[in-house]
Protein backbone atom coordinates (compact mmCIF):
# COMPACT_ATOMS: atom_id res chain seq x y z
CA UNK A 1 34.02 -29.61 51.56
CA UNK A 2 30.90 -28.68 49.71
CA UNK A 3 30.47 -27.50 46.14
CA UNK A 4 29.54 -23.98 45.31
CA UNK A 5 27.13 -23.47 42.41
CA UNK A 6 28.72 -22.81 39.03
CA UNK A 7 29.11 -19.21 38.02
CA UNK A 8 30.12 -17.50 34.82
CA UNK A 9 33.63 -17.11 36.17
CA UNK A 10 34.55 -20.69 37.07
CA UNK A 11 33.85 -23.43 39.54
CA UNK A 12 35.17 -22.56 43.00
CA UNK A 13 35.07 -24.19 46.42
CA UNK A 14 34.32 -22.94 49.85
CA UNK A 15 36.60 -24.50 52.42
CA UNK A 16 35.45 -24.25 56.02
CA UNK A 17 33.45 -21.19 55.18
CA UNK A 18 36.33 -19.13 53.68
CA UNK A 19 35.90 -17.86 50.15
CA UNK A 20 38.89 -17.33 47.87
CA UNK A 21 38.19 -15.23 44.78
CA UNK A 22 39.42 -16.51 41.43
CA UNK A 23 43.03 -15.80 40.73
CA UNK A 24 42.17 -13.95 37.57
CA UNK A 25 39.71 -11.63 39.29
CA UNK A 26 41.51 -8.42 40.25
CA UNK A 27 41.18 -7.13 43.84
CA UNK A 28 39.59 -3.75 44.22
CA UNK A 29 42.22 -1.07 44.37
CA UNK A 30 42.41 1.05 47.52
CA UNK A 31 43.71 4.57 47.66
CA UNK A 32 47.28 4.70 48.98
CA UNK A 33 47.67 6.19 52.51
CA UNK A 34 50.05 9.10 52.96
CA UNK A 35 52.19 9.06 56.13
CA UNK A 36 52.60 12.37 57.84
CA UNK A 37 56.21 12.82 58.89
CA UNK A 38 57.01 14.67 62.14
CA UNK A 39 58.81 17.95 61.47
CA UNK A 40 62.51 17.94 62.20
CA UNK A 41 62.17 20.68 64.80
CA UNK A 42 59.71 18.54 66.73
CA UNK A 43 62.16 15.63 66.88
CA UNK A 44 64.86 18.01 68.15
CA UNK A 45 62.49 19.43 70.76
CA UNK A 46 61.61 15.92 71.99
CA UNK A 47 65.26 14.94 72.24
CA UNK A 48 66.17 18.12 74.13
CA UNK A 49 63.24 17.64 76.52
CA UNK A 50 64.22 14.04 77.10
CA UNK A 51 67.84 14.96 77.84
CA UNK A 52 66.69 17.72 80.23
CA UNK A 53 64.44 15.30 82.10
CA UNK A 54 67.26 12.77 82.34
CA UNK A 55 69.71 15.37 83.67
CA UNK A 56 67.14 16.60 86.20
CA UNK A 57 66.48 13.06 87.39
CA UNK A 58 70.19 12.35 87.77
CA UNK A 59 70.70 15.64 89.65
CA UNK A 60 67.83 14.83 92.00
CA UNK A 61 69.20 11.35 92.70
CA UNK A 62 72.71 12.72 93.33
CA UNK A 63 71.32 15.43 95.64
CA UNK A 64 69.27 12.92 97.63
CA UNK A 65 72.24 10.60 97.96
CA UNK A 66 74.55 13.42 99.06
CA UNK A 67 72.01 14.71 101.59
CA UNK A 68 71.57 11.22 102.95
CA UNK A 69 75.31 10.66 103.24
CA UNK A 70 75.79 14.03 104.95
CA UNK A 71 73.01 13.33 107.42
CA UNK A 72 74.46 9.91 108.21
CA UNK A 73 78.04 11.17 108.56
CA UNK A 74 77.28 14.43 110.43
CA UNK A 75 78.88 14.38 113.87
CA UNK A 76 78.54 16.96 116.65
CA UNK A 77 81.64 18.73 117.97
CA UNK A 78 83.58 16.89 120.60
CA UNK A 79 86.94 16.57 122.31
CA UNK A 80 89.60 16.97 119.67
CA UNK A 81 87.41 18.91 117.25
CA UNK A 82 89.59 21.47 115.50
CA UNK A 83 87.95 24.85 114.97
CA UNK A 84 89.05 27.51 112.51
CA UNK A 85 90.95 30.60 113.67
CA UNK A 86 89.21 33.19 111.45
CA UNK A 87 91.34 35.56 109.39
CA UNK A 88 88.56 38.11 109.98
CA UNK A 89 89.02 38.17 113.78
CA UNK A 90 89.86 41.44 115.51
CA UNK A 91 92.98 39.79 116.91
CA UNK A 92 94.17 39.03 113.37
CA UNK A 93 93.48 42.61 112.32
CA UNK A 94 95.35 43.93 115.35
CA UNK A 95 98.30 41.68 114.58
CA UNK A 96 98.40 43.04 111.02
CA UNK A 97 98.19 46.62 112.30
CA UNK A 98 101.22 46.22 114.59
CA UNK A 99 101.93 47.90 117.91
CA UNK A 100 104.34 47.54 120.80
CA UNK A 101 106.26 44.30 121.21
CA UNK A 102 103.91 43.02 123.92
CA UNK A 103 100.76 44.11 122.09
CA UNK A 104 101.88 42.50 118.85
CA UNK A 105 102.82 39.26 120.62
CA UNK A 106 99.44 39.11 122.35
CA UNK A 107 97.54 39.82 119.13
CA UNK A 108 99.50 37.23 117.14
CA UNK A 109 98.97 34.58 119.81
CA UNK A 110 95.22 35.21 120.05
CA UNK A 111 94.82 35.40 116.28
CA UNK A 112 96.20 31.86 115.99
CA UNK A 113 93.73 30.36 118.50
CA UNK A 114 90.54 28.60 117.29
CA UNK A 115 87.80 31.01 118.38
CA UNK A 116 84.18 31.70 117.48
CA UNK A 117 83.49 34.65 115.21
CA UNK A 118 80.72 37.02 116.36
CA UNK A 119 78.26 38.00 113.66
CA UNK A 120 76.77 41.39 114.52
CA UNK A 121 74.68 43.66 112.27
CA UNK A 122 77.00 46.55 113.12
CA UNK A 123 80.01 44.80 111.63
CA UNK A 124 78.34 42.42 109.15
CA UNK A 125 75.04 44.02 108.09
CA UNK A 126 72.25 42.76 105.84
CA UNK A 127 73.68 42.11 102.40
CA UNK A 128 77.19 41.40 103.73
CA UNK A 129 76.69 38.87 106.52
CA UNK A 130 76.13 35.93 104.16
CA UNK A 131 79.43 36.53 102.39
CA UNK A 132 81.19 36.76 105.75
CA UNK A 133 79.89 33.31 106.66
CA UNK A 134 81.01 31.95 103.28
CA UNK A 135 84.49 33.43 103.74
CA UNK A 136 84.92 31.80 107.16
CA UNK A 137 83.50 28.53 105.81
CA UNK A 138 86.08 28.63 103.02
CA UNK A 139 88.86 29.04 105.59
CA UNK A 140 87.45 26.13 107.58
CA UNK A 141 87.28 23.94 104.48
CA UNK A 142 90.84 24.80 103.45
CA UNK A 143 92.18 24.02 106.94
CA UNK A 144 89.94 20.97 107.47
CA UNK A 145 88.42 22.51 110.59
CA UNK A 146 84.95 23.32 111.94
CA UNK A 147 83.36 26.75 111.75
CA UNK A 148 82.06 28.42 114.93
CA UNK A 149 79.98 31.61 114.86
CA UNK A 150 77.93 33.56 117.37
CA UNK A 151 74.72 35.20 116.14
CA UNK A 152 74.31 38.43 118.09
CA UNK A 153 71.85 40.95 116.73
CA UNK A 154 68.34 40.48 118.10
CA UNK A 155 66.07 43.48 118.80
CA UNK A 156 66.81 45.22 122.10
CA UNK A 157 70.07 43.32 122.48
CA UNK A 158 71.58 43.28 125.99
CA UNK A 159 68.55 45.23 127.29
CA UNK A 160 70.30 48.54 126.69
CA UNK A 161 73.49 47.63 128.57
CA UNK A 162 77.06 47.90 127.26
CA UNK A 163 76.32 45.70 124.21
CA UNK A 164 73.05 47.43 123.36
CA UNK A 165 71.99 47.48 119.74
CA UNK A 166 70.56 44.94 117.35
CA UNK A 167 67.95 45.12 114.60
CA UNK A 168 64.22 45.62 114.44
CA UNK A 169 61.99 42.57 114.01
CA UNK A 170 61.77 42.65 110.21
CA UNK A 171 65.47 43.29 109.63
CA UNK A 172 66.43 40.66 112.19
CA UNK A 173 64.41 38.08 110.27
CA UNK A 174 66.13 39.10 107.03
CA UNK A 175 69.58 39.11 108.61
CA UNK A 176 69.26 35.68 110.23
CA UNK A 177 67.74 34.28 107.02
CA UNK A 178 70.86 35.36 105.13
CA UNK A 179 73.06 33.72 107.76
CA UNK A 180 71.04 30.50 107.59
CA UNK A 181 71.13 30.40 103.78
CA UNK A 182 74.89 30.80 103.80
CA UNK A 183 75.32 28.07 106.42
CA UNK A 184 73.13 25.63 104.48
CA UNK A 185 75.06 26.28 101.27
CA UNK A 186 78.28 24.86 102.78
CA UNK A 187 77.02 21.42 103.70
CA UNK A 188 80.50 19.92 103.66
CA UNK A 189 81.66 22.06 106.61
CA UNK A 190 80.84 21.30 110.26
CA UNK A 191 79.14 24.37 111.71
CA UNK A 192 78.65 25.36 115.35
CA UNK A 193 76.23 28.23 115.96
CA UNK A 194 75.77 29.90 119.35
CA UNK A 195 72.51 31.86 119.27
CA UNK A 196 72.27 35.18 121.12
CA UNK A 197 74.31 34.82 124.33
CA UNK A 198 72.65 36.27 127.47
CA UNK A 199 69.30 36.59 125.68
CA UNK A 200 67.50 34.01 127.82
CA UNK A 201 69.29 34.44 131.13
CA UNK A 202 68.82 38.22 130.98
CA UNK A 203 65.17 38.10 129.87
CA UNK A 204 63.58 37.85 133.38
CA UNK A 205 65.54 40.92 134.47
CA UNK A 206 64.47 42.77 131.31
CA UNK A 207 60.86 41.65 131.67
CA UNK A 208 60.56 40.36 128.09
CA UNK A 209 60.64 36.56 128.38
CA UNK A 210 57.70 35.92 126.03
CA UNK A 211 59.09 38.29 123.41
CA UNK A 212 62.57 36.78 123.62
CA UNK A 213 61.24 33.24 123.30
CA UNK A 214 59.35 34.12 120.13
CA UNK A 215 62.36 35.91 118.64
CA UNK A 216 64.71 33.04 119.41
CA UNK A 217 62.37 30.39 118.05
CA UNK A 218 62.19 32.27 114.78
CA UNK A 219 65.94 32.72 114.62
CA UNK A 220 66.62 29.05 115.35
CA UNK A 221 64.24 27.98 112.61
CA UNK A 222 66.11 30.13 110.10
CA UNK A 223 69.56 28.92 111.13
CA UNK A 224 69.26 25.13 111.26
CA UNK A 225 70.54 22.80 108.54
CA UNK A 226 72.70 19.79 107.72
CA UNK A 227 75.73 19.44 110.03
CA UNK A 228 74.81 22.68 111.81
CA UNK A 229 74.91 22.32 115.59
CA UNK A 230 72.88 25.02 117.31
CA UNK A 231 73.34 25.99 120.97
CA UNK A 232 71.10 28.49 122.76
CA UNK A 233 71.93 30.68 125.74
CA UNK A 234 72.52 28.75 128.96
CA UNK A 235 73.69 31.54 131.28
CA UNK A 236 76.39 30.41 133.71
CA UNK A 237 76.86 28.82 137.10
CA UNK A 238 76.95 32.13 139.05
CA UNK A 239 73.79 33.56 137.51
CA UNK A 240 70.37 31.86 137.44
CA UNK A 241 69.76 28.60 139.28
CA UNK A 242 69.44 25.39 137.30
CA UNK A 243 65.64 25.22 137.66
CA UNK A 244 65.06 28.77 136.45
CA UNK A 245 67.54 28.52 133.57
CA UNK A 246 66.21 25.14 132.46
CA UNK A 247 62.68 26.52 132.36
CA UNK A 248 63.81 29.30 130.02
CA UNK A 249 65.75 26.96 127.74
CA UNK A 250 62.83 24.53 127.57
CA UNK A 251 60.69 27.22 125.95
CA UNK A 252 62.95 27.61 122.91
CA UNK A 253 64.42 24.18 122.23
CA UNK A 254 63.03 22.17 119.36
CA UNK A 255 64.15 20.45 116.15
CA UNK A 256 67.65 21.51 115.16
CA UNK A 257 68.81 22.54 118.65
CA UNK A 258 71.75 20.52 119.93
CA UNK A 259 71.96 22.17 123.32
CA UNK A 260 73.00 25.28 125.24
CA UNK A 261 76.20 27.25 125.82
CA UNK A 262 77.36 28.32 129.28
CA UNK A 263 79.91 30.79 130.65
CA UNK A 264 79.88 32.86 127.45
CA UNK A 265 81.97 36.01 128.05
CA UNK A 266 82.39 34.99 131.69
CA UNK A 267 85.21 33.67 133.85
CA UNK A 268 83.88 30.77 135.93
CA UNK A 269 85.98 27.69 136.54
CA UNK A 270 85.57 24.93 133.96
CA UNK A 271 84.59 22.31 136.54
CA UNK A 272 81.87 24.55 137.97
CA UNK A 273 80.46 25.02 134.48
CA UNK A 274 80.52 21.28 133.78
CA UNK A 275 78.56 20.67 137.00
CA UNK A 276 76.08 23.37 136.00
CA UNK A 277 75.73 21.95 132.49
CA UNK A 278 74.95 18.52 133.95
CA UNK A 279 72.32 20.01 136.26
CA UNK A 280 70.64 21.74 133.32
CA UNK A 281 70.85 18.65 131.11
CA UNK A 282 69.15 16.50 133.75
CA UNK A 283 66.22 18.91 133.73
CA UNK A 284 66.12 19.09 129.93
CA UNK A 285 66.01 15.46 128.93
CA UNK A 286 69.72 15.05 128.19
CA UNK A 287 70.33 18.21 126.17
CA UNK A 288 74.02 18.80 125.36
CA UNK A 289 76.26 21.77 126.10
CA UNK A 290 79.27 23.87 125.19
CA UNK A 291 81.39 25.64 127.81
CA UNK A 292 83.27 28.87 127.08
CA UNK A 293 86.82 28.67 128.41
CA UNK A 294 88.27 31.64 126.55
CA UNK A 295 89.02 33.75 129.65
CA UNK A 296 88.62 31.48 132.67
CA UNK A 297 92.24 30.48 133.20
CA UNK A 298 92.30 32.24 136.58
CA UNK A 299 88.68 31.57 137.50
CA UNK A 300 86.04 34.12 138.41
CA UNK A 301 87.04 37.24 140.38
CA UNK A 302 86.13 37.23 144.06
CA UNK A 303 83.75 40.16 143.65
CA UNK A 304 81.95 38.53 140.70
CA UNK A 305 82.90 41.46 138.45
CA UNK A 306 81.97 40.58 134.86
CA UNK A 307 83.11 43.68 132.94
CA UNK A 308 86.83 43.57 132.14
CA UNK A 309 87.85 42.31 135.59
CA UNK A 310 91.61 42.60 136.16
CA UNK A 311 93.85 39.62 136.74
CA UNK A 312 92.14 37.23 134.31
CA UNK A 313 93.93 34.89 131.88
CA UNK A 314 92.95 32.79 128.89
CA UNK A 315 91.67 29.27 129.58
CA UNK A 316 92.18 25.86 128.00
CA UNK A 317 92.11 25.78 124.19
CA UNK A 318 88.98 24.78 122.28
CA UNK A 319 88.36 21.05 122.03
CA UNK A 320 90.28 20.12 125.19
CA UNK A 321 87.49 18.79 127.42
CA UNK A 322 84.13 17.07 127.09
CA UNK A 323 81.95 14.28 128.44
CA UNK A 324 78.54 12.71 127.85
CA UNK A 325 76.80 16.08 128.37
CA UNK A 326 79.37 18.74 127.46
CA UNK A 327 80.27 18.18 123.82
CA UNK A 328 83.44 20.20 124.28
CA UNK A 329 84.83 23.49 125.49
CA UNK A 330 85.18 26.35 123.02
CA UNK A 331 86.61 29.85 123.01
CA UNK A 332 83.34 31.67 122.38
CA UNK A 333 84.16 35.17 123.63
CA UNK A 334 87.25 36.37 121.69
CA UNK A 335 89.91 37.33 124.27
CA UNK A 336 91.15 40.86 123.77
CA UNK A 337 87.74 42.30 122.91
CA UNK A 338 86.38 44.61 125.61
CA UNK A 339 83.26 43.88 127.67
CA UNK A 340 82.45 47.59 127.75
CA UNK A 341 83.69 50.95 129.02
CA UNK A 342 84.67 49.71 132.46
CA UNK A 343 87.92 48.98 134.29
CA UNK A 344 89.85 50.92 131.66
CA UNK A 345 88.37 49.19 128.62
CA UNK A 346 86.88 50.74 125.46
CA UNK A 347 83.35 50.18 124.17
CA UNK A 348 82.00 46.63 124.10
CA UNK A 349 83.46 44.52 121.31
CA UNK A 350 86.33 46.90 120.54
CA UNK A 351 89.86 45.49 120.47
CA UNK A 352 91.70 46.37 123.70
CA UNK A 353 95.48 45.93 123.37
CA UNK A 354 96.20 46.29 127.09
CA UNK A 355 93.50 43.77 127.94
CA UNK A 356 94.91 41.31 125.40
CA UNK A 357 98.37 41.63 126.91
CA UNK A 358 97.07 40.91 130.41
CA UNK A 359 94.97 37.93 129.34
CA UNK A 360 97.94 36.30 127.58
CA UNK A 361 100.64 37.07 130.14
CA UNK A 362 100.97 33.37 131.10
CA UNK A 363 100.21 31.94 127.66
CA UNK A 364 102.88 29.87 125.92
CA UNK A 365 104.76 31.70 123.21
C-alpha cells in the first residue's frame, strides 16, 4: 500500500485504489425515494384477466383434445349399426292418431323401425329445422343409436314432378346452414346424411346438370362435420348406367363426402343394388355406398312402376347387410308415405294408411 498525504482530517490509506472516508465524516444525505403503490383495483383487474386467460387456455386445450378424440374414434355406419326410430316420424304420428285395427298395427310396426327422417322446408322450415335435428339427435343419444336424415329441399326439387317444391337459392343456403350447424353441435352422435335423393340422376332429364352440381356442392359444404357421414344421390340399378351415374357423382364429391345412396324410394332387389354400387365405386376410386331396402321386400314390379306400385312389401331392416363397398343397408324412404297421387295414393309424402297396411302384410308382428 502507499501513503496518502496528511490532511486536516487524519491520516488515511488508499488500498488498491479504493478510498474509504474517515469514520467520523458523515455521508451526504440523499432524499428518500417514495414508492408508488399500484391501486387495489388494478391488482383486481390483473387477477381477473389472468384467471380469464387461464380458463380460456384450458377450454381451448379441452376442445382440441375432444375434437381429436372424436376424429380418431369416428366410425362410419356399418352392419349392425343401430339407427334411431324418430318419434317425429309420420308413422309414429299415425300410430298416436289411431285407426282401424290393421291400420294401427301397420303404423305401430313402422314407427318402431329405424328409418331416416326427411327434412323438408314444407314440414321443417327455416327457423325450425335446426331444432328438429336437435330433437332427433337427443332421441339418438338417449337410445345410443345413430341419427339418419335426408335433406330434401333444393330449388326446383323433383323438376316439377310429384315431389315438386323446395326453396329459392338464398333460402336454401340459409336452411342447409341451419341443418349443418345443428348437426355439428351434437358431435357425440353418429350422423348419416343423405343429400337430395334423385337430384343427380334426374338432372340430365331436367337439363340442369351444371346448376344442380353447384347447388349440391354448396349444400355439402354446409352439412359436413365431425362424425357426419354424407351420401349423395346415386340413382338406382334400373335408371342410369354406371358410367353416366358415376360421371355425375364425380362432379360433386369432395372433402366430407363418404359416398352415395342407391335405390332411394325404389324397389329393386338388394343384390342388384349391391352389384350396381360396386360398379359405381370402381369408377369413383372406391367411394362407399348405402342401399335403401325400406320397400324392396318383393323386388321391383315387372312394369318398372315407381309410384305406389301394388304388391310391394318392406325389405330387410336397417343395418342387416354390408361389405367393403356398401357400408350398410338403411330404410331411407319411410314406408307408408305416398310417392304421389297415383295408384290410389295421396300427395307425395303424405301418410297413406292403406299403403302402410299392404307394405307390412308379411311383416312380423
